[in-house]
N, C-alpha and C. Protein backbone atom coordinates (compact mmCIF):
# COMPACT_ATOMS: atom_id res chain seq x y z
N MET A 1 0.84 -1.16 0.00
CA MET A 1 0.00 0.00 0.00
C MET A 1 0.90 1.23 0.00
N VAL A 2 0.51 2.22 -0.78
CA VAL A 2 1.31 3.43 -0.91
C VAL A 2 0.77 4.48 0.04
N ALA A 3 1.60 5.03 0.87
CA ALA A 3 1.19 6.08 1.81
C ALA A 3 1.30 7.42 1.10
N LEU A 4 0.22 8.26 1.24
CA LEU A 4 0.23 9.58 0.62
C LEU A 4 0.98 10.56 1.51
N THR A 5 1.77 11.36 0.87
CA THR A 5 2.49 12.38 1.62
C THR A 5 1.60 13.60 1.77
N ASN A 6 1.98 14.54 2.63
CA ASN A 6 1.22 15.77 2.83
C ASN A 6 1.07 16.54 1.53
N ALA A 7 2.07 16.52 0.67
CA ALA A 7 2.01 17.24 -0.59
C ALA A 7 0.95 16.64 -1.50
N ALA A 8 0.73 15.34 -1.44
CA ALA A 8 -0.24 14.69 -2.30
C ALA A 8 -1.67 14.88 -1.78
N ARG A 9 -1.85 15.19 -0.49
CA ARG A 9 -3.18 15.33 0.09
C ARG A 9 -3.69 16.78 0.08
N LYS A 10 -3.02 17.73 -0.44
CA LYS A 10 -3.47 19.11 -0.48
C LYS A 10 -4.61 19.27 -1.48
N GLY A 11 -5.57 20.19 -1.14
CA GLY A 11 -6.68 20.50 -2.05
C GLY A 11 -7.89 19.62 -1.78
N PHE A 12 -8.92 19.84 -2.59
CA PHE A 12 -10.16 19.12 -2.44
C PHE A 12 -10.28 18.08 -3.53
N GLY A 13 -10.97 17.02 -3.21
CA GLY A 13 -11.23 15.98 -4.20
C GLY A 13 -12.42 16.37 -5.06
N LEU A 14 -12.61 15.63 -6.12
CA LEU A 14 -13.70 15.89 -7.05
C LEU A 14 -15.05 15.79 -6.33
N LEU A 15 -15.21 14.81 -5.48
CA LEU A 15 -16.46 14.63 -4.74
C LEU A 15 -16.73 15.82 -3.81
N ASP A 16 -15.69 16.34 -3.16
CA ASP A 16 -15.85 17.51 -2.29
C ASP A 16 -16.35 18.72 -3.07
N VAL A 17 -15.78 18.95 -4.22
CA VAL A 17 -16.16 20.08 -5.06
C VAL A 17 -17.59 19.92 -5.56
N MET A 18 -17.98 18.73 -5.97
CA MET A 18 -19.33 18.48 -6.48
C MET A 18 -20.39 18.72 -5.39
N VAL A 19 -20.11 18.28 -4.18
CA VAL A 19 -21.05 18.49 -3.07
C VAL A 19 -21.19 19.98 -2.77
N ALA A 20 -20.09 20.70 -2.75
CA ALA A 20 -20.12 22.14 -2.47
C ALA A 20 -20.89 22.90 -3.54
N VAL A 21 -20.68 22.55 -4.81
CA VAL A 21 -21.39 23.20 -5.91
C VAL A 21 -22.88 22.89 -5.83
N ALA A 22 -23.24 21.66 -5.50
CA ALA A 22 -24.65 21.29 -5.39
C ALA A 22 -25.34 22.06 -4.27
N ILE A 23 -24.70 22.18 -3.13
CA ILE A 23 -25.27 22.92 -2.00
C ILE A 23 -25.42 24.40 -2.36
N ALA A 24 -24.42 24.97 -3.00
CA ALA A 24 -24.49 26.37 -3.41
C ALA A 24 -25.61 26.58 -4.43
N GLY A 25 -25.75 25.67 -5.37
CA GLY A 25 -26.80 25.77 -6.39
C GLY A 25 -28.19 25.71 -5.78
N ILE A 26 -28.40 24.79 -4.86
CA ILE A 26 -29.71 24.68 -4.20
C ILE A 26 -30.00 25.94 -3.39
N SER A 27 -29.00 26.47 -2.72
CA SER A 27 -29.20 27.69 -1.93
C SER A 27 -29.55 28.86 -2.83
N ILE A 28 -28.90 29.00 -3.95
CA ILE A 28 -29.18 30.10 -4.87
C ILE A 28 -30.58 29.97 -5.45
N VAL A 29 -30.98 28.79 -5.84
CA VAL A 29 -32.32 28.58 -6.39
C VAL A 29 -33.39 28.92 -5.34
N ALA A 30 -33.18 28.48 -4.11
CA ALA A 30 -34.15 28.76 -3.04
C ALA A 30 -34.23 30.26 -2.77
N PHE A 31 -33.11 30.96 -2.77
CA PHE A 31 -33.09 32.40 -2.53
C PHE A 31 -33.81 33.15 -3.65
N VAL A 32 -33.48 32.82 -4.89
CA VAL A 32 -34.09 33.51 -6.04
C VAL A 32 -35.60 33.26 -6.06
N ALA A 33 -36.03 32.04 -5.80
CA ALA A 33 -37.47 31.73 -5.78
C ALA A 33 -38.16 32.49 -4.66
N GLY A 34 -37.54 32.60 -3.51
CA GLY A 34 -38.13 33.34 -2.39
C GLY A 34 -38.26 34.81 -2.68
N VAL A 35 -37.25 35.40 -3.29
CA VAL A 35 -37.29 36.82 -3.63
C VAL A 35 -38.32 37.07 -4.72
N ALA A 36 -38.42 36.18 -5.69
CA ALA A 36 -39.38 36.36 -6.78
C ALA A 36 -40.82 36.32 -6.28
N THR A 37 -41.13 35.42 -5.37
CA THR A 37 -42.51 35.32 -4.87
C THR A 37 -42.81 36.38 -3.83
N LEU A 38 -41.80 36.92 -3.17
CA LEU A 38 -42.03 37.95 -2.16
C LEU A 38 -42.70 39.17 -2.76
N GLY A 39 -42.26 39.59 -3.94
CA GLY A 39 -42.85 40.75 -4.60
C GLY A 39 -44.23 40.48 -5.16
N GLN A 40 -44.62 39.20 -5.30
CA GLN A 40 -45.90 38.87 -5.88
C GLN A 40 -46.99 38.63 -4.84
N GLN A 41 -46.63 38.54 -3.57
CA GLN A 41 -47.61 38.26 -2.54
C GLN A 41 -48.45 39.50 -2.27
N PRO A 42 -49.76 39.40 -2.55
CA PRO A 42 -50.61 40.56 -2.30
C PRO A 42 -50.83 40.75 -0.81
N THR A 43 -51.03 41.97 -0.43
CA THR A 43 -51.35 42.27 0.96
C THR A 43 -52.79 42.77 1.02
N ALA A 44 -53.38 42.71 2.17
CA ALA A 44 -54.75 43.21 2.33
C ALA A 44 -54.81 44.69 2.00
N ALA A 45 -53.78 45.44 2.38
CA ALA A 45 -53.74 46.88 2.10
C ALA A 45 -53.71 47.14 0.59
N HIS A 46 -52.91 46.38 -0.13
CA HIS A 46 -52.84 46.54 -1.59
C HIS A 46 -54.16 46.13 -2.23
N ASP A 47 -54.76 45.04 -1.75
CA ASP A 47 -56.06 44.62 -2.29
C ASP A 47 -57.11 45.71 -2.09
N ALA A 48 -57.11 46.36 -0.92
CA ALA A 48 -58.06 47.44 -0.65
C ALA A 48 -57.80 48.62 -1.59
N TYR A 49 -56.54 48.91 -1.85
CA TYR A 49 -56.17 49.97 -2.78
C TYR A 49 -56.73 49.68 -4.17
N VAL A 50 -56.61 48.43 -4.61
CA VAL A 50 -57.11 48.04 -5.93
C VAL A 50 -58.64 48.18 -5.98
N VAL A 51 -59.33 47.76 -4.92
CA VAL A 51 -60.79 47.90 -4.87
C VAL A 51 -61.17 49.38 -4.93
N MET A 52 -60.47 50.22 -4.18
CA MET A 52 -60.79 51.66 -4.19
C MET A 52 -60.46 52.30 -5.54
N GLN A 53 -59.44 51.81 -6.23
CA GLN A 53 -59.17 52.29 -7.58
C GLN A 53 -60.40 52.05 -8.46
N SER A 54 -61.00 50.88 -8.33
CA SER A 54 -62.19 50.54 -9.10
C SER A 54 -63.37 51.43 -8.70
N GLU A 55 -63.54 51.68 -7.39
CA GLU A 55 -64.62 52.55 -6.92
C GLU A 55 -64.44 53.97 -7.46
N VAL A 56 -63.23 54.48 -7.44
CA VAL A 56 -62.95 55.82 -7.94
C VAL A 56 -63.24 55.89 -9.44
N ALA A 57 -62.81 54.87 -10.18
CA ALA A 57 -63.08 54.84 -11.62
C ALA A 57 -64.58 54.79 -11.90
N SER A 58 -65.32 54.02 -11.11
CA SER A 58 -66.77 53.92 -11.29
C SER A 58 -67.45 55.25 -10.99
N ALA A 59 -67.06 55.91 -9.91
CA ALA A 59 -67.65 57.21 -9.57
C ALA A 59 -67.31 58.25 -10.63
N ARG A 60 -66.10 58.22 -11.10
CA ARG A 60 -65.67 59.16 -12.13
C ARG A 60 -66.51 58.98 -13.40
N GLU A 61 -66.73 57.74 -13.79
CA GLU A 61 -67.54 57.45 -14.98
C GLU A 61 -69.00 57.84 -14.75
N LEU A 62 -69.54 57.56 -13.58
CA LEU A 62 -70.91 57.93 -13.25
C LEU A 62 -71.08 59.45 -13.32
N ALA A 63 -70.12 60.19 -12.78
CA ALA A 63 -70.18 61.65 -12.80
C ALA A 63 -70.19 62.17 -14.24
N ARG A 64 -69.36 61.56 -15.07
CA ARG A 64 -69.24 62.00 -16.46
C ARG A 64 -70.50 61.67 -17.26
N THR A 65 -71.02 60.46 -17.10
CA THR A 65 -72.16 60.04 -17.93
C THR A 65 -73.48 60.67 -17.50
N THR A 66 -73.68 60.91 -16.22
CA THR A 66 -74.94 61.51 -15.77
C THR A 66 -74.93 63.02 -15.87
N GLY A 67 -73.74 63.61 -15.86
CA GLY A 67 -73.63 65.07 -15.88
C GLY A 67 -74.02 65.71 -14.56
N ASN A 68 -74.28 64.88 -13.55
CA ASN A 68 -74.74 65.37 -12.26
C ASN A 68 -73.69 65.19 -11.17
N GLY A 69 -72.51 64.73 -11.52
CA GLY A 69 -71.48 64.47 -10.53
C GLY A 69 -71.72 63.16 -9.81
N ALA A 70 -70.82 62.81 -8.93
CA ALA A 70 -70.93 61.59 -8.13
C ALA A 70 -70.16 61.81 -6.84
N THR A 71 -70.49 61.01 -5.84
CA THR A 71 -69.84 61.12 -4.53
C THR A 71 -69.54 59.72 -4.01
N ILE A 72 -68.34 59.53 -3.48
CA ILE A 72 -68.02 58.32 -2.73
C ILE A 72 -67.97 58.71 -1.26
N ILE A 73 -68.75 58.02 -0.45
CA ILE A 73 -68.68 58.21 0.99
C ILE A 73 -67.88 57.04 1.55
N VAL A 74 -66.80 57.35 2.26
CA VAL A 74 -65.95 56.32 2.88
C VAL A 74 -66.12 56.45 4.40
N VAL A 75 -66.57 55.37 5.02
CA VAL A 75 -66.76 55.36 6.47
C VAL A 75 -65.78 54.36 7.07
N PRO A 76 -64.73 54.85 7.72
CA PRO A 76 -63.75 53.95 8.33
C PRO A 76 -64.30 53.29 9.60
N GLY A 77 -63.90 52.04 9.81
CA GLY A 77 -64.17 51.34 11.06
C GLY A 77 -62.85 51.09 11.76
N SER A 78 -62.85 50.29 12.81
CA SER A 78 -61.61 50.04 13.53
C SER A 78 -60.62 49.21 12.71
N ASN A 79 -61.11 48.25 11.95
CA ASN A 79 -60.23 47.44 11.12
C ASN A 79 -60.93 47.09 9.81
N SER A 80 -61.72 48.04 9.31
CA SER A 80 -62.43 47.86 8.05
C SER A 80 -62.91 49.24 7.60
N PHE A 81 -63.45 49.29 6.40
CA PHE A 81 -64.10 50.52 5.97
C PHE A 81 -65.14 50.19 4.91
N THR A 82 -66.08 51.11 4.76
CA THR A 82 -67.15 50.95 3.79
C THR A 82 -67.07 52.10 2.80
N ALA A 83 -67.20 51.79 1.52
CA ALA A 83 -67.21 52.82 0.48
C ALA A 83 -68.52 52.69 -0.29
N GLN A 84 -69.18 53.82 -0.52
CA GLN A 84 -70.46 53.81 -1.21
C GLN A 84 -70.50 54.94 -2.23
N ILE A 85 -70.93 54.61 -3.45
CA ILE A 85 -71.00 55.60 -4.53
C ILE A 85 -72.43 56.09 -4.67
N PHE A 86 -72.58 57.41 -4.75
CA PHE A 86 -73.88 58.05 -4.98
C PHE A 86 -73.82 58.82 -6.28
N SER A 87 -74.89 58.81 -7.03
CA SER A 87 -75.03 59.71 -8.17
C SER A 87 -75.40 61.07 -7.61
N GLY A 88 -74.70 62.11 -7.99
CA GLY A 88 -74.93 63.43 -7.44
C GLY A 88 -74.43 63.49 -6.00
N ARG A 89 -75.23 64.06 -5.12
CA ARG A 89 -74.86 64.18 -3.71
C ARG A 89 -75.83 63.39 -2.86
N PRO A 90 -75.34 62.66 -1.85
CA PRO A 90 -76.25 61.86 -1.03
C PRO A 90 -77.05 62.72 -0.06
N ASN A 91 -78.20 62.20 0.33
CA ASN A 91 -79.01 62.84 1.36
C ASN A 91 -78.55 62.30 2.71
N GLY A 92 -78.64 63.10 3.74
CA GLY A 92 -78.26 62.66 5.07
C GLY A 92 -79.07 61.46 5.52
N GLY A 93 -78.40 60.50 6.14
CA GLY A 93 -79.08 59.33 6.69
C GLY A 93 -79.35 58.22 5.70
N THR A 94 -78.96 58.37 4.43
CA THR A 94 -79.27 57.33 3.44
C THR A 94 -78.14 56.33 3.24
N PHE A 95 -77.07 56.47 3.97
CA PHE A 95 -75.89 55.63 3.71
C PHE A 95 -76.18 54.15 3.79
N ASN A 96 -76.97 53.71 4.76
CA ASN A 96 -77.18 52.28 4.95
C ASN A 96 -78.31 51.71 4.11
N THR A 97 -78.95 52.49 3.28
CA THR A 97 -80.07 51.97 2.50
C THR A 97 -79.68 51.72 1.05
N THR A 98 -79.49 52.75 0.28
CA THR A 98 -79.12 52.57 -1.12
C THR A 98 -78.05 53.59 -1.47
N PRO A 99 -77.25 53.39 -2.43
CA PRO A 99 -76.99 52.16 -3.18
C PRO A 99 -76.16 51.17 -2.39
N LYS A 100 -75.80 50.04 -3.02
CA LYS A 100 -75.02 49.00 -2.36
C LYS A 100 -73.63 49.53 -1.99
N ALA A 101 -73.21 49.21 -0.78
CA ALA A 101 -71.90 49.65 -0.29
C ALA A 101 -70.87 48.53 -0.47
N THR A 102 -69.63 48.92 -0.70
CA THR A 102 -68.52 47.97 -0.74
C THR A 102 -67.85 47.98 0.62
N VAL A 103 -67.75 46.81 1.25
CA VAL A 103 -67.15 46.70 2.57
C VAL A 103 -65.78 46.04 2.42
N ILE A 104 -64.76 46.69 2.97
CA ILE A 104 -63.40 46.17 2.94
C ILE A 104 -63.04 45.76 4.37
N GLU A 105 -62.80 44.47 4.57
CA GLU A 105 -62.47 43.96 5.90
C GLU A 105 -60.96 43.90 6.10
N LYS A 106 -60.53 43.94 7.34
CA LYS A 106 -59.14 43.76 7.77
C LYS A 106 -58.19 44.82 7.26
N VAL A 107 -58.73 45.97 6.87
CA VAL A 107 -57.90 47.08 6.40
C VAL A 107 -58.47 48.37 6.98
N ALA A 108 -57.61 49.17 7.55
CA ALA A 108 -58.01 50.48 8.08
C ALA A 108 -57.81 51.53 7.00
N PHE A 109 -58.68 52.53 6.98
CA PHE A 109 -58.62 53.61 6.00
C PHE A 109 -58.43 54.93 6.74
N SER A 110 -57.60 55.79 6.20
CA SER A 110 -57.48 57.15 6.73
C SER A 110 -57.19 58.10 5.58
N SER A 111 -57.50 59.36 5.79
CA SER A 111 -57.24 60.36 4.76
C SER A 111 -56.56 61.56 5.37
N GLY A 112 -55.89 62.32 4.52
CA GLY A 112 -55.23 63.53 4.98
C GLY A 112 -56.22 64.62 5.36
N ILE A 113 -57.46 64.52 4.89
CA ILE A 113 -58.47 65.54 5.16
C ILE A 113 -59.26 65.20 6.42
N ALA A 114 -59.74 63.97 6.51
CA ALA A 114 -60.64 63.61 7.60
C ALA A 114 -60.04 62.65 8.62
N GLY A 115 -58.79 62.27 8.44
CA GLY A 115 -58.17 61.31 9.36
C GLY A 115 -58.92 59.99 9.30
N THR A 116 -59.44 59.55 10.43
CA THR A 116 -60.21 58.31 10.46
C THR A 116 -61.71 58.57 10.56
N GLN A 117 -62.13 59.80 10.23
CA GLN A 117 -63.55 60.17 10.21
C GLN A 117 -64.12 59.89 8.81
N PRO A 118 -65.46 59.82 8.68
CA PRO A 118 -66.05 59.63 7.35
C PRO A 118 -65.61 60.72 6.37
N LEU A 119 -65.40 60.30 5.14
CA LEU A 119 -64.89 61.19 4.11
C LEU A 119 -65.83 61.15 2.91
N ALA A 120 -66.16 62.31 2.36
CA ALA A 120 -66.92 62.40 1.11
C ALA A 120 -65.96 62.84 0.02
N ILE A 121 -65.87 62.04 -1.04
CA ILE A 121 -65.03 62.39 -2.19
C ILE A 121 -65.98 62.75 -3.32
N PHE A 122 -65.89 63.99 -3.79
CA PHE A 122 -66.81 64.52 -4.80
C PHE A 122 -66.16 64.50 -6.18
N PHE A 123 -66.91 64.06 -7.17
CA PHE A 123 -66.47 64.05 -8.56
C PHE A 123 -67.45 64.91 -9.36
N SER A 124 -66.95 65.93 -10.03
CA SER A 124 -67.84 66.76 -10.85
C SER A 124 -67.93 66.16 -12.24
N ALA A 125 -68.96 66.55 -12.99
CA ALA A 125 -69.14 66.05 -14.35
C ALA A 125 -67.98 66.49 -15.25
N SER A 126 -67.34 67.60 -14.91
CA SER A 126 -66.23 68.10 -15.72
C SER A 126 -64.91 67.43 -15.40
N GLY A 127 -64.88 66.57 -14.37
CA GLY A 127 -63.66 65.83 -14.07
C GLY A 127 -62.89 66.30 -12.87
N ASN A 128 -63.34 67.34 -12.20
CA ASN A 128 -62.64 67.80 -11.00
C ASN A 128 -63.07 66.97 -9.80
N VAL A 129 -62.20 66.93 -8.81
CA VAL A 129 -62.48 66.15 -7.61
C VAL A 129 -62.13 66.98 -6.38
N ALA A 130 -62.86 66.75 -5.30
CA ALA A 130 -62.59 67.41 -4.03
C ALA A 130 -63.06 66.47 -2.93
N ALA A 131 -62.73 66.77 -1.70
CA ALA A 131 -63.14 65.91 -0.59
C ALA A 131 -63.36 66.76 0.65
N ALA A 132 -64.19 66.22 1.55
CA ALA A 132 -64.45 66.91 2.81
C ALA A 132 -64.86 65.88 3.86
N ASN A 133 -64.58 66.21 5.10
CA ASN A 133 -65.06 65.40 6.22
C ASN A 133 -66.58 65.53 6.23
N TRP A 134 -67.31 64.38 6.29
CA TRP A 134 -68.77 64.44 6.29
C TRP A 134 -69.33 63.28 7.08
N ASN A 135 -70.14 63.57 8.06
CA ASN A 135 -70.82 62.53 8.83
C ASN A 135 -72.23 62.36 8.29
N ILE A 136 -72.72 61.14 8.33
CA ILE A 136 -74.03 60.83 7.78
C ILE A 136 -75.11 61.73 8.37
N GLY A 137 -75.06 61.99 9.65
CA GLY A 137 -76.07 62.81 10.31
C GLY A 137 -75.99 64.29 10.01
N ASP A 138 -74.97 64.72 9.25
CA ASP A 138 -74.81 66.14 8.95
C ASP A 138 -75.82 66.67 7.95
N GLY A 139 -76.61 65.80 7.37
CA GLY A 139 -77.60 66.24 6.38
C GLY A 139 -77.07 66.16 4.97
N ASN A 140 -77.73 66.87 4.06
CA ASN A 140 -77.38 66.81 2.65
C ASN A 140 -76.04 67.51 2.39
N ILE A 141 -75.39 67.06 1.34
CA ILE A 141 -74.19 67.74 0.86
C ILE A 141 -74.66 68.66 -0.26
N ALA A 142 -74.65 69.94 -0.01
CA ALA A 142 -75.23 70.89 -0.95
C ALA A 142 -74.36 71.11 -2.18
N SER A 143 -73.08 71.27 -1.98
CA SER A 143 -72.22 71.58 -3.12
C SER A 143 -70.83 71.00 -2.90
N GLN A 144 -70.08 71.00 -3.96
CA GLN A 144 -68.73 70.45 -3.91
C GLN A 144 -67.76 71.52 -3.44
N PRO A 145 -66.96 71.22 -2.39
CA PRO A 145 -65.97 72.19 -1.95
C PRO A 145 -64.84 72.31 -2.96
N ALA A 146 -64.07 73.37 -2.87
CA ALA A 146 -62.94 73.56 -3.76
C ALA A 146 -61.81 72.62 -3.37
N CYS A 147 -61.08 72.14 -4.34
CA CYS A 147 -59.92 71.29 -4.08
C CYS A 147 -58.66 72.16 -4.17
N THR A 148 -57.90 72.18 -3.11
CA THR A 148 -56.70 73.01 -3.10
C THR A 148 -55.43 72.20 -3.32
N SER A 149 -55.48 70.91 -3.06
CA SER A 149 -54.33 70.04 -3.32
C SER A 149 -54.86 68.63 -3.53
N SER A 150 -53.98 67.69 -3.75
CA SER A 150 -54.43 66.32 -3.94
C SER A 150 -54.97 65.76 -2.62
N ILE A 151 -55.78 64.72 -2.73
CA ILE A 151 -56.41 64.09 -1.57
C ILE A 151 -55.60 62.84 -1.22
N ALA A 152 -54.92 62.88 -0.09
CA ALA A 152 -54.08 61.75 0.33
C ALA A 152 -54.91 60.75 1.12
N VAL A 153 -54.76 59.47 0.79
CA VAL A 153 -55.45 58.39 1.51
C VAL A 153 -54.47 57.28 1.82
N SER A 154 -54.75 56.52 2.88
CA SER A 154 -53.90 55.40 3.28
C SER A 154 -54.76 54.18 3.58
N PHE A 155 -54.24 53.02 3.21
CA PHE A 155 -54.86 51.74 3.50
C PHE A 155 -53.87 50.93 4.32
N THR A 156 -54.25 50.51 5.52
CA THR A 156 -53.34 49.78 6.39
C THR A 156 -53.95 48.44 6.74
N GLY A 157 -53.24 47.38 6.39
CA GLY A 157 -53.65 46.02 6.72
C GLY A 157 -52.50 45.34 7.44
N GLY A 158 -52.66 45.04 8.71
CA GLY A 158 -51.56 44.46 9.49
C GLY A 158 -50.43 45.45 9.60
N THR A 159 -49.25 45.05 9.13
CA THR A 159 -48.08 45.93 9.20
C THR A 159 -47.82 46.65 7.88
N LYS A 160 -48.64 46.40 6.87
CA LYS A 160 -48.42 47.00 5.55
C LYS A 160 -49.35 48.18 5.35
N THR A 161 -48.81 49.26 4.80
CA THR A 161 -49.60 50.45 4.47
C THR A 161 -49.35 50.82 3.02
N VAL A 162 -50.44 51.13 2.32
CA VAL A 162 -50.35 51.63 0.95
C VAL A 162 -50.87 53.07 0.99
N ASN A 163 -50.03 54.00 0.55
CA ASN A 163 -50.41 55.41 0.47
C ASN A 163 -50.75 55.73 -0.98
N ALA A 164 -51.79 56.52 -1.18
CA ALA A 164 -52.21 56.89 -2.53
C ALA A 164 -52.76 58.31 -2.49
N SER A 165 -53.05 58.85 -3.65
CA SER A 165 -53.65 60.19 -3.70
C SER A 165 -54.54 60.32 -4.93
N ILE A 166 -55.45 61.27 -4.84
CA ILE A 166 -56.34 61.61 -5.94
C ILE A 166 -56.08 63.07 -6.25
N GLY A 167 -55.69 63.37 -7.47
CA GLY A 167 -55.40 64.75 -7.85
C GLY A 167 -56.67 65.55 -8.07
N CYS A 168 -56.61 66.85 -7.86
CA CYS A 168 -57.79 67.72 -8.01
C CYS A 168 -58.37 67.67 -9.41
N SER A 169 -57.52 67.72 -10.42
CA SER A 169 -58.02 67.73 -11.79
C SER A 169 -57.81 66.40 -12.50
N ASP A 170 -57.27 65.42 -11.79
CA ASP A 170 -57.05 64.09 -12.37
C ASP A 170 -57.61 63.07 -11.40
N PRO A 171 -58.93 62.83 -11.44
CA PRO A 171 -59.57 61.98 -10.44
C PRO A 171 -59.30 60.49 -10.62
N ARG A 172 -58.05 60.11 -10.44
CA ARG A 172 -57.67 58.70 -10.41
C ARG A 172 -56.95 58.47 -9.10
N LEU A 173 -57.11 57.29 -8.56
CA LEU A 173 -56.39 56.92 -7.34
C LEU A 173 -55.04 56.39 -7.77
N ILE A 174 -53.96 57.11 -7.43
CA ILE A 174 -52.61 56.70 -7.84
C ILE A 174 -51.69 56.63 -6.65
C-alpha cells in the first residue's frame, strides 16, 4: 500500500467540489425563488387599494355620464371601511339603505383631510375632484368644496400600508 504524503493530500477531491457546488446551487435557487414570490404576494392593504381604484373609476364614470357628478362616501371602522358611490350628492341618513356599499375587511382607511372620520369624495361632471369630512347625520351635501391640493389616503392592513392620492383635476387613485 502506498502512503500519501502531505504534498499529495493538499486540495479538495472531485467529490468535495461536487457536493459544495450542489449545495451552493440549491441555496441560490431557493433564494431567487423566495425573492421572486415575495414581490408577488398581495397584501390586504394593496387589495383594498385596488378595490378603491375601481370605486374611484366607477364614480368618475358615473359623474361624467350623468352630468350630475358623483360622490363616494368612505366610512372607516376600527379594522375595516365601507365605500359607497352616490349619483350626485347623497341625502343625510341614506348611507345604509341605497346604493349598495362595498365593505373592505381587515384594512383600516385614513385620509389627509378627515383622518379616520367619514370622508366624502366629490367628482364633478367636468372631471374635477374634491373631498371633505362628512358625517351621515350632517344632512345633505349641498355643493362640492374647492380642491386646493391632492387628496391623500392610506390603506393599512396588518403591518403593511399603501399610500395613494387623488389629484384635483385628475380623479384617479394613484
